[in-house]
Amino acid sequence: MAKTRQVYVCDQCGNESLQWQGLCPSCGAGDTLKAVTLARGSNDRKSLAAASGAPQRLSQVVNRDDPRIATGLDELDRVLGGGLVLGSVTLLGGDPGIGKSTMLLQAGDALSAATSTLYVTGEESLRQVSLRAKRLGITADQLQLLAETSLETIIEQARALDARVLIIDSIQTMHVADVESSPGSATQVRETAAALVRFAKSTGVSVLIIGHVTKEGVIAGPRILEHMVDTVLYFESDAGSRFRLVRAVKNRFGAANEVGVFAMTEQGLKEVKNPSAIFLSHHSRPVAGSAVMVAREGSRPMLVEVQALTDEAQGMNPRRVAVGLDSNRLALLLAVLHRHGNVSSAGRDVFVNVVGGVRISETAVDLPAVLAAVSSVRDQPLAGKLVCFGEIGLAGEVRPVPFGEERLKEAAKHGFERAIVPEANKPRRPIDGLEVIGVERLEQALRSAF
């Protein structure tokens, strides 16, 4: 019988301590250290490292350009950087019911036609998975299904089937025999993920893992989980919206912050080939408080509508509400607008929203947000078929943003005729059908927009 040892593990961060303490020494959470019995060697550093043999010089390492495995979903392949890499471990997180299992079941169906694929469920029975596949119109004749939570059994079955793709639904339901704690605990999640990473690296099997999220929106379990895997994807969606965004927050084999857009239908997730079309309202006539910008999500330019509404304050303190962008950034922009644009929002509630549930983190949203707010204050629509983007500084200057020419070409492709952009983003060669107005100061942008 293997010798055991007892440690105290924090439920919040997964930090181990040899003695119980009231506060976790790592994250400072109170009363989160729980006694866990481990088999000696289960967390040994030698077992966590992939067998690499003797050290080699970088120039001596053979660089093989192995082909990626297409998942059958072009938007998912885009987020992954072109498809699944052999031996990679991908973690997919999102709110309950957002479509994680649906996406990987659809991907598993397509993958099974190209290579041996094993779909493991720890939350549903095989009959439940079969009923969901039937509802989605998935035949999955070649897809292997397994209802199991013991990781040792799962790896044994994957080896027996010679599977090249392994899908785990979900990591919080799996457990290893060496750890005497319940599935979903910080220790079980960490040890299970470590075993899957070792299996993937030693055999070249691509592993896809579904992870639940906490109420704060982060994947449940120790933070080290996201560091152990190669790729971390998050589902994003507003409540009630049928559109789903899959964003890569970490990717060792591609660009981070790449975004794939899907629509949830009765037949499962459908790819949205032209995301710009769903994020524009297509008003029958110009309306006040609306501005269109070209956002840059990963490697993709995307047209997004920014709306603003200003009204007389209903209380003593005017409200500043931003949905889809930083609220602190909105307060800063309104101060710059008053100081350098001579447009005051004092005594007014200001609400700014990015249409479609998109969250814009780049500073290119500054100029569209300001123009939309001024349009609402004046109750005067912006000129028709106008697009804009640019960062606004505290001195009232309009700063350039990356990939300006690519943004303008995307706007021209969708029929926009005028663009207000930073002077430094003005292209050297004219773009057919698009009049580009370069501005250096906020007051110049206001004159050009109205």
Protein backbone atom coordinates (compact mmCIF):
# COMPACT_ATOMS: atom_id res chain seq x y z
CA MET A 1 0.00 0.00 0.00
CA ALA A 2 1.38 3.42 -0.95
CA LYS A 3 2.50 5.67 1.86
CA THR A 4 0.45 8.78 2.37
CA ARG A 5 0.99 12.29 3.69
CA GLN A 6 -1.43 14.94 4.87
CA VAL A 7 -1.36 18.53 3.70
CA TYR A 8 -3.75 21.47 3.95
CA VAL A 9 -4.93 22.85 0.61
CA CYS A 10 -6.66 26.21 0.03
CA ASP A 11 -10.03 25.85 -1.72
CA GLN A 12 -9.56 29.24 -3.38
CA CYS A 13 -6.06 29.17 -4.86
CA GLY A 14 -4.84 25.58 -4.37
CA ASN A 15 -1.84 26.56 -2.24
CA GLU A 16 -0.48 23.76 -0.02
CA SER A 17 0.54 24.18 3.62
CA LEU A 18 1.98 21.61 6.00
CA GLN A 19 0.00 23.01 8.93
CA TRP A 20 -3.51 24.38 9.28
CA GLN A 21 -3.80 28.19 9.43
CA GLY A 22 -6.74 30.54 9.75
CA LEU A 23 -5.69 32.53 6.69
CA CYS A 24 -4.21 31.12 3.50
CA PRO A 25 -0.57 32.35 3.29
CA SER A 26 -0.89 32.71 -0.49
CA CYS A 27 -4.23 34.43 -1.20
CA GLY A 28 -5.22 35.55 2.32
CA ALA A 29 -8.67 33.90 2.23
CA GLY A 30 -10.07 32.92 5.61
CA ASP A 31 -10.95 29.38 6.72
CA THR A 32 -10.21 27.84 3.31
CA LEU A 33 -7.45 25.36 4.27
CA LYS A 34 -8.80 21.81 4.18
CA ALA A 35 -6.99 18.60 5.14
CA VAL A 36 -6.17 16.41 2.13
CA THR A 37 -4.40 13.03 2.12
CA LEU A 38 -2.00 12.51 -0.76
CA ALA A 39 -0.06 9.44 -1.86
CA ARG A 40 3.66 10.13 -1.66
CA GLY A 41 5.06 10.93 -5.08
CA SER A 42 1.70 11.91 -6.59
CA ASN A 43 2.88 15.50 -6.90
CA ASP A 44 6.53 14.71 -7.38
CA ARG A 45 8.31 17.20 -9.61
CA LYS A 46 9.88 14.42 -11.67
CA SER A 47 6.45 13.02 -12.49
CA LEU A 48 5.18 16.43 -13.64
CA ALA A 49 7.98 16.91 -16.15
CA ALA A 50 7.74 15.31 -19.57
CA ALA A 51 10.53 12.85 -20.31
CA SER A 52 12.89 14.82 -22.50
CA GLY A 53 16.14 12.84 -22.24
CA ALA A 54 19.51 14.55 -22.28
CA PRO A 55 19.77 18.33 -22.80
CA GLN A 56 20.09 19.48 -26.40
CA ARG A 57 21.17 22.68 -28.07
CA LEU A 58 18.38 24.73 -29.59
CA SER A 59 19.95 24.40 -33.05
CA GLN A 60 19.93 20.59 -32.71
CA VAL A 61 16.21 20.31 -31.99
CA VAL A 62 14.33 18.90 -34.96
CA ASN A 63 11.64 21.35 -36.01
CA ARG A 64 8.79 19.39 -37.55
CA ASP A 65 5.92 21.33 -39.04
CA ASP A 66 3.16 18.88 -38.08
CA PRO A 67 -0.21 19.63 -39.69
CA ARG A 68 -2.99 20.84 -37.42
CA ILE A 69 -6.22 18.93 -37.04
CA ALA A 70 -9.28 20.83 -38.30
CA THR A 71 -12.19 20.81 -35.83
CA GLY A 72 -14.86 21.22 -38.51
CA LEU A 73 -15.78 24.66 -37.11
CA ASP A 74 -13.90 27.40 -38.96
CA GLU A 75 -14.52 29.97 -36.22
CA LEU A 76 -13.10 27.61 -33.59
CA ASP A 77 -10.10 26.88 -35.82
CA ARG A 78 -9.53 30.63 -36.13
CA VAL A 79 -9.46 31.02 -32.35
CA LEU A 80 -7.11 28.05 -31.96
CA GLY A 81 -4.74 29.49 -34.55
CA GLY A 82 -5.59 27.14 -37.41
CA GLY A 83 -6.76 23.96 -35.68
CA LEU A 84 -5.67 21.54 -32.96
CA VAL A 85 -1.95 21.01 -32.45
CA LEU A 86 -0.80 17.46 -31.74
CA GLY A 87 -0.10 16.99 -28.04
CA SER A 88 -1.80 20.25 -27.03
CA VAL A 89 -4.14 20.75 -24.07
CA THR A 90 -7.01 23.21 -24.57
CA LEU A 91 -9.26 24.45 -21.75
CA LEU A 92 -12.73 25.81 -22.61
CA GLY A 93 -14.61 27.73 -19.91
CA GLY A 94 -17.97 29.47 -19.77
CA ASP A 95 -21.22 29.93 -17.87
CA PRO A 96 -23.65 27.01 -17.44
CA GLY A 97 -25.80 26.42 -20.51
CA ILE A 98 -23.78 28.71 -22.78
CA GLY A 99 -22.89 25.91 -25.23
CA LYS A 100 -19.57 24.37 -24.15
CA SER A 101 -20.69 20.72 -24.42
CA THR A 102 -22.64 21.46 -27.60
CA MET A 103 -19.59 22.97 -29.30
CA LEU A 104 -17.24 20.12 -28.39
CA LEU A 105 -19.83 17.50 -29.37
CA GLN A 106 -20.14 19.17 -32.78
CA ALA A 107 -16.34 19.41 -33.04
CA GLY A 108 -15.99 15.78 -31.91
CA ASP A 109 -18.33 14.68 -34.70
CA ALA A 110 -16.17 16.39 -37.33
CA LEU A 111 -12.89 15.26 -35.73
CA SER A 112 -14.00 11.63 -35.55
CA ALA A 113 -14.37 11.57 -39.35
CA ALA A 114 -10.68 12.47 -39.71
CA THR A 115 -9.05 10.76 -36.71
CA SER A 116 -9.82 8.53 -33.72
CA THR A 117 -11.73 10.65 -31.16
CA LEU A 118 -12.92 9.79 -27.64
CA TYR A 119 -15.58 11.91 -25.93
CA VAL A 120 -15.66 11.37 -22.15
CA THR A 121 -18.57 12.68 -20.10
CA GLY A 122 -18.63 12.80 -16.33
CA GLU A 123 -21.87 14.77 -16.05
CA GLU A 124 -24.28 12.90 -18.32
CA SER A 125 -25.13 9.34 -19.21
CA LEU A 126 -24.41 8.00 -22.69
CA ARG A 127 -28.16 8.09 -23.40
CA GLN A 128 -28.32 11.79 -22.53
CA VAL A 129 -25.41 12.53 -24.86
CA SER A 130 -27.09 10.48 -27.59
CA LEU A 131 -30.36 12.41 -27.19
CA ARG A 132 -28.51 15.74 -27.39
CA ALA A 133 -26.67 14.60 -30.51
CA LYS A 134 -29.97 13.55 -32.10
CA ARG A 135 -31.53 16.92 -31.28
CA LEU A 136 -28.57 18.67 -32.92
CA GLY A 137 -28.72 16.44 -35.99
CA ILE A 138 -25.33 14.84 -35.28
CA THR A 139 -24.87 11.26 -36.44
CA ALA A 140 -21.32 10.84 -35.07
CA ASP A 141 -20.97 7.30 -36.43
CA GLN A 142 -17.22 7.26 -35.72
CA LEU A 143 -17.22 9.14 -32.38
CA GLN A 144 -16.40 6.98 -29.35
CA LEU A 145 -18.33 7.79 -26.15
CA LEU A 146 -17.38 6.95 -22.57
CA ALA A 147 -19.18 7.83 -19.33
CA GLU A 148 -16.43 7.77 -16.69
CA THR A 149 -14.91 9.95 -13.96
CA SER A 150 -11.82 7.92 -13.04
CA LEU A 151 -8.87 9.43 -14.88
CA GLU A 152 -6.85 6.21 -14.75
CA THR A 153 -9.66 4.36 -16.55
CA ILE A 154 -10.04 7.16 -19.10
CA ILE A 155 -6.35 7.16 -20.02
CA GLU A 156 -6.37 3.35 -20.24
CA GLN A 157 -9.34 3.43 -22.63
CA ALA A 158 -7.77 6.20 -24.71
CA ARG A 159 -4.61 4.12 -25.12
CA ALA A 160 -6.63 1.02 -26.02
CA LEU A 161 -8.55 2.93 -28.72
CA ASP A 162 -5.38 4.67 -29.93
CA ALA A 163 -7.32 7.94 -29.72
CA ARG A 164 -5.66 11.03 -31.20
CA VAL A 165 -8.21 13.48 -29.73
CA LEU A 166 -9.56 13.24 -26.18
CA ILE A 167 -12.49 15.41 -25.01
CA ILE A 168 -13.13 15.72 -21.26
CA ASP A 169 -16.54 17.02 -20.06
CA SER A 170 -15.75 18.31 -17.47
CA ILE A 171 -12.53 18.61 -15.45
CA GLN A 172 -14.49 19.31 -12.23
CA THR A 173 -16.08 15.83 -12.34
CA MET A 174 -12.82 13.89 -12.81
CA HIS A 175 -10.71 12.38 -10.04
CA VAL A 176 -7.44 10.50 -9.56
CA ALA A 177 -7.14 7.65 -7.09
CA ASP A 178 -4.06 9.02 -5.29
CA VAL A 179 -5.90 12.07 -3.95
CA GLU A 180 -8.39 11.51 -1.13
CA SER A 181 -10.64 14.50 -1.76
CA SER A 182 -13.90 15.01 -3.60
CA PRO A 183 -14.00 15.73 -7.37
CA GLY A 184 -13.97 19.45 -8.11
CA SER A 185 -11.72 20.35 -5.18
CA ALA A 186 -8.64 22.42 -5.88
CA THR A 187 -6.31 19.46 -5.35
CA GLN A 188 -8.29 17.07 -7.55
CA VAL A 189 -8.56 19.62 -10.37
CA ARG A 190 -4.84 20.32 -10.23
CA GLU A 191 -3.77 16.66 -10.10
CA THR A 192 -6.24 15.66 -12.83
CA ALA A 193 -5.06 18.43 -15.12
CA ALA A 194 -1.41 17.56 -14.47
CA ALA A 195 -2.05 13.92 -15.41
CA LEU A 196 -3.82 14.95 -18.63
CA VAL A 197 -0.97 17.29 -19.55
CA ARG A 198 1.59 14.50 -18.99
CA PHE A 199 -0.53 12.12 -21.08
CA ALA A 200 -0.88 14.64 -23.94
CA LYS A 201 2.82 15.53 -24.06
CA SER A 202 4.04 11.94 -23.88
CA THR A 203 1.64 10.49 -26.47
CA GLY A 204 0.88 13.41 -28.83
CA VAL A 205 -2.85 13.18 -28.12
CA SER A 206 -4.74 16.48 -28.38
CA VAL A 207 -6.84 17.02 -25.24
CA LEU A 208 -9.89 19.31 -25.04
CA ILE A 209 -11.13 20.07 -21.51
CA ILE A 210 -14.37 21.75 -20.43
CA GLY A 211 -14.13 23.80 -17.24
CA HIS A 212 -16.91 25.33 -15.14
CA VAL A 213 -16.65 28.97 -14.07
CA THR A 214 -17.28 30.64 -10.73
CA LYS A 215 -19.68 33.53 -10.13
CA GLU A 216 -16.74 35.89 -10.76
CA GLY A 217 -16.47 34.47 -14.28
CA VAL A 218 -13.13 32.63 -13.89
CA ILE A 219 -12.60 28.90 -14.33
CA ALA A 220 -13.27 27.05 -11.07
CA GLY A 221 -10.28 25.44 -9.38
CA PRO A 222 -6.74 26.63 -8.67
CA ARG A 223 -5.34 29.42 -10.80
CA ILE A 224 -2.45 27.14 -11.76
CA LEU A 225 -4.90 25.23 -13.99
CA GLU A 226 -4.76 27.95 -16.66
CA HIS A 227 -0.95 28.00 -16.48
CA MET A 228 -0.65 24.25 -17.02
CA VAL A 229 -2.62 24.05 -20.28
CA ASP A 230 -1.52 25.36 -23.68
CA THR A 231 -4.68 27.22 -24.68
CA VAL A 232 -7.46 28.83 -22.64
CA LEU A 233 -10.73 29.74 -24.36
CA TYR A 234 -13.66 31.59 -22.78
CA PHE A 235 -17.29 31.73 -23.90
CA GLU A 236 -18.76 35.23 -23.70
CA SER A 237 -22.42 36.19 -24.08
CA ASP A 238 -25.01 38.56 -22.69
CA ALA A 239 -28.06 37.09 -20.94
CA GLY A 240 -30.82 36.55 -23.47
CA SER A 241 -28.55 36.95 -26.50
CA ARG A 242 -28.30 34.10 -28.97
CA PHE A 243 -24.83 35.11 -30.07
CA ARG A 244 -21.76 33.53 -28.49
CA LEU A 245 -18.19 34.82 -28.61
CA VAL A 246 -15.29 32.42 -28.03
CA ARG A 247 -12.15 34.32 -27.05
CA ALA A 248 -8.61 32.98 -26.65
CA VAL A 249 -7.11 34.52 -23.52
CA LYS A 250 -4.01 32.32 -23.79
CA ASN A 251 -2.62 30.46 -26.79
CA ARG A 252 0.88 29.04 -27.12
CA PHE A 253 0.28 28.17 -30.77
CA GLY A 254 -1.53 31.26 -32.04
CA ALA A 255 -2.64 34.81 -31.32
CA ALA A 256 -4.20 35.61 -27.97
CA ASN A 257 -7.47 37.62 -27.91
CA GLU A 258 -8.58 36.03 -31.16
CA VAL A 259 -12.38 35.84 -31.34
CA GLY A 260 -14.81 33.43 -32.97
CA VAL A 261 -18.50 34.32 -33.32
CA PHE A 262 -21.33 31.78 -33.15
CA ALA A 263 -25.13 31.89 -33.04
CA MET A 264 -27.06 29.43 -30.88
CA THR A 265 -29.87 27.76 -32.82
CA GLU A 266 -32.06 24.67 -32.42
CA GLN A 267 -29.46 22.75 -34.43
CA GLY A 268 -26.62 23.84 -32.15
CA LEU A 269 -23.95 26.48 -32.68
CA LYS A 270 -23.77 27.99 -36.14
CA GLU A 271 -20.79 30.02 -37.30
CA VAL A 272 -21.24 33.71 -38.05
CA LYS A 273 -19.11 34.37 -41.11
CA ASN A 274 -19.75 38.13 -41.16
CA PRO A 275 -19.81 39.37 -37.53
CA SER A 276 -19.99 43.03 -38.58
CA ALA A 277 -23.53 42.48 -39.83
CA ILE A 278 -24.87 41.40 -36.42
CA PHE A 279 -23.36 44.24 -34.40
CA LEU A 280 -24.94 47.05 -36.44
CA SER A 281 -28.53 48.17 -35.89
CA HIS A 282 -29.21 49.14 -39.53
CA HIS A 283 -31.45 52.11 -38.69
CA SER A 284 -33.87 53.11 -41.45
CA ARG A 285 -32.71 56.70 -40.92
CA PRO A 286 -29.87 58.34 -38.96
CA VAL A 287 -30.58 58.57 -35.22
CA ALA A 288 -28.95 60.69 -32.54
CA GLY A 289 -26.56 59.03 -30.13
CA SER A 290 -25.20 56.37 -32.48
CA ALA A 291 -21.68 56.02 -33.90
CA VAL A 292 -20.07 53.14 -35.80
CA MET A 293 -16.46 52.12 -35.17
CA VAL A 294 -14.10 49.46 -36.52
CA ALA A 295 -12.86 47.37 -33.61
CA ARG A 296 -9.91 45.02 -33.81
CA GLU A 297 -10.61 41.63 -32.21
CA GLY A 298 -7.51 39.47 -32.53
CA SER A 299 -6.61 39.47 -36.23
CA ARG A 300 -10.11 40.44 -37.36
CA PRO A 301 -11.46 43.97 -37.97
CA MET A 302 -15.11 44.16 -36.98
CA LEU A 303 -17.72 46.90 -37.33
CA VAL A 304 -19.42 47.68 -34.02
CA GLU A 305 -22.08 50.26 -33.11
CA VAL A 306 -21.57 52.42 -30.02
CA GLN A 307 -24.72 54.05 -28.63
CA ALA A 308 -25.01 56.85 -26.09
CA LEU A 309 -27.98 58.31 -24.25
CA THR A 310 -27.90 61.49 -22.17
CA ASP A 311 -30.78 62.73 -20.06
CA GLU A 312 -31.39 65.13 -17.21
CA ALA A 313 -30.14 63.61 -13.96
CA GLN A 314 -32.89 62.04 -11.89
CA GLY A 315 -30.97 62.52 -8.63
CA MET A 316 -28.37 64.72 -7.03
CA ASN A 317 -25.46 62.75 -8.52
CA PRO A 318 -25.48 62.23 -12.32
CA ARG A 319 -24.91 58.60 -13.35
CA ARG A 320 -22.15 57.39 -15.64
CA VAL A 321 -22.99 53.89 -16.91
CA ALA A 322 -20.90 52.06 -19.51
CA VAL A 323 -21.78 48.62 -20.91
CA GLY A 324 -19.10 47.10 -23.12
CA LEU A 325 -16.32 49.50 -22.15
CA ASP A 326 -14.59 50.71 -19.01
CA SER A 327 -16.72 53.01 -16.82
CA ASN A 328 -13.64 54.86 -15.58
CA ARG A 329 -12.65 55.47 -19.18
CA LEU A 330 -16.07 56.99 -19.87
CA ALA A 331 -15.73 59.44 -16.95
CA LEU A 332 -12.30 60.45 -18.26
CA LEU A 333 -13.63 61.03 -21.79
CA LEU A 334 -16.49 63.20 -20.54
CA ALA A 335 -14.00 65.38 -18.64
CA VAL A 336 -11.85 65.78 -21.78
CA LEU A 337 -14.98 66.57 -23.81
CA HIS A 338 -15.91 69.37 -21.41
CA ARG A 339 -12.41 70.81 -21.23
CA HIS A 340 -11.36 70.57 -24.89
CA GLY A 341 -14.66 70.17 -26.76
CA ASN A 342 -16.67 72.75 -24.83
CA VAL A 343 -19.54 70.24 -24.41
CA SER A 344 -20.71 69.83 -20.84
CA SER A 345 -22.44 66.75 -19.41
CA ALA A 346 -22.93 68.29 -15.95
CA GLY A 347 -26.37 67.57 -14.56
CA ARG A 348 -26.96 64.79 -17.09
CA ASP A 349 -27.01 61.04 -16.77
CA VAL A 350 -24.80 59.47 -19.45
CA PHE A 351 -25.30 55.88 -20.62
CA VAL A 352 -23.02 54.28 -23.22
CA ASN A 353 -23.57 50.80 -24.68
CA VAL A 354 -21.75 48.65 -27.22
CA VAL A 355 -24.36 46.85 -29.34
CA GLY A 356 -24.41 43.05 -29.40
CA GLY A 357 -22.85 42.35 -26.03
CA VAL A 358 -19.30 42.94 -27.29
CA ARG A 359 -16.75 44.25 -24.81
CA ILE A 360 -14.22 46.66 -26.30
CA SER A 361 -10.98 46.92 -24.33
CA GLU A 362 -8.93 48.90 -26.84
CA THR A 363 -8.66 52.69 -26.81
CA ALA A 364 -9.97 52.98 -30.39
CA VAL A 365 -13.44 53.24 -28.84
CA ASP A 366 -12.67 56.70 -27.38
CA LEU A 367 -13.61 58.78 -30.41
CA PRO A 368 -16.85 56.85 -31.24
CA ALA A 369 -17.99 57.07 -27.59
CA VAL A 370 -17.39 60.83 -27.48
CA LEU A 371 -19.10 61.49 -30.83
CA ALA A 372 -22.10 59.38 -29.81
CA ALA A 373 -22.37 61.30 -26.51
CA VAL A 374 -22.20 64.68 -28.26
CA SER A 375 -24.78 63.51 -30.79
CA SER A 376 -27.14 62.62 -27.93
CA VAL A 377 -26.52 65.91 -26.08
CA ARG A 378 -27.25 67.94 -29.21
CA ASP A 379 -30.00 65.56 -30.38
CA GLN A 380 -28.32 65.66 -33.77
CA PRO A 381 -27.45 62.50 -35.71
CA LEU A 382 -23.99 61.98 -37.15
CA ALA A 383 -23.62 62.09 -40.92
CA GLY A 384 -24.88 58.96 -42.69
CA LYS A 385 -22.48 56.13 -43.62
CA LEU A 386 -19.84 57.52 -41.24
CA VAL A 387 -17.31 55.38 -39.38
CA CYS A 388 -14.74 56.54 -36.83
CA PHE A 389 -12.06 55.31 -34.44
CA GLY A 390 -9.19 56.79 -32.44
CA GLU A 391 -7.76 57.27 -28.97
CA ILE A 392 -8.30 60.58 -27.16
CA GLY A 393 -5.61 61.94 -24.83
CA LEU A 394 -6.07 64.16 -21.80
CA ALA A 395 -4.77 67.14 -23.76
CA GLY A 396 -7.53 66.74 -26.34
CA GLU A 397 -5.30 65.17 -28.99
CA VAL A 398 -6.53 62.29 -31.16
CA ARG A 399 -3.92 59.53 -31.08
CA PRO A 400 -3.44 56.79 -33.70
CA VAL A 401 -4.37 53.15 -33.11
CA PRO A 402 -2.84 49.97 -34.62
CA PHE A 403 -3.96 48.51 -37.97
CA GLY A 404 -5.62 51.70 -39.20
CA GLU A 405 -5.56 50.84 -42.91
CA GLU A 406 -7.05 47.36 -42.32
CA ARG A 407 -9.89 48.95 -40.35
CA LEU A 408 -10.62 51.42 -43.14
CA LYS A 409 -10.68 48.69 -45.79
CA GLU A 410 -13.21 46.76 -43.69
CA ALA A 411 -15.40 49.87 -43.47
CA ALA A 412 -15.21 50.46 -47.23
CA LYS A 413 -16.14 46.81 -47.86
CA HIS A 414 -19.39 47.34 -45.93
CA GLY A 415 -20.40 50.44 -47.88
CA PHE A 416 -19.29 53.27 -45.57
CA GLU A 417 -18.44 56.47 -47.42
CA ARG A 418 -16.75 58.71 -44.79
CA ALA A 419 -14.29 58.01 -41.99
CA ILE A 420 -12.96 60.24 -39.21
CA VAL A 421 -9.65 58.86 -38.00
CA PRO A 422 -6.43 60.12 -36.37
CA GLU A 423 -4.22 61.99 -38.80
CA ALA A 424 -1.46 59.39 -38.34
CA ASN A 425 -3.86 56.61 -39.43
CA LYS A 426 -4.78 58.34 -42.68
CA PRO A 427 -3.62 56.03 -45.52
CA ARG A 428 -1.06 57.22 -48.03
CA ARG A 429 -3.11 55.90 -50.92
CA PRO A 430 -6.83 56.66 -51.19
CA ILE A 431 -9.31 53.85 -50.59
CA ASP A 432 -11.94 53.45 -53.29
CA GLY A 433 -15.34 54.75 -52.24
CA LEU A 434 -14.17 56.03 -48.84
CA GLU A 435 -13.42 59.64 -47.92
CA VAL A 436 -10.94 59.60 -45.04
CA ILE A 437 -10.76 62.69 -42.80
CA GLY A 438 -7.66 62.88 -40.62
CA VAL A 439 -7.92 64.87 -37.37
CA GLU A 440 -5.36 65.77 -34.73
CA ARG A 441 -7.57 67.45 -32.11
CA LEU A 442 -10.94 66.67 -30.57
CA GLU A 443 -12.45 69.95 -31.74
CA GLN A 444 -11.51 69.07 -35.34
CA ALA A 445 -13.30 65.73 -35.02
CA LEU A 446 -16.44 67.47 -33.69
CA ARG A 447 -16.48 69.92 -36.59
CA SER A 448 -16.05 67.13 -39.13
CA ALA A 449 -18.72 64.89 -37.60
CA PHE A 450 -21.56 67.45 -37.49
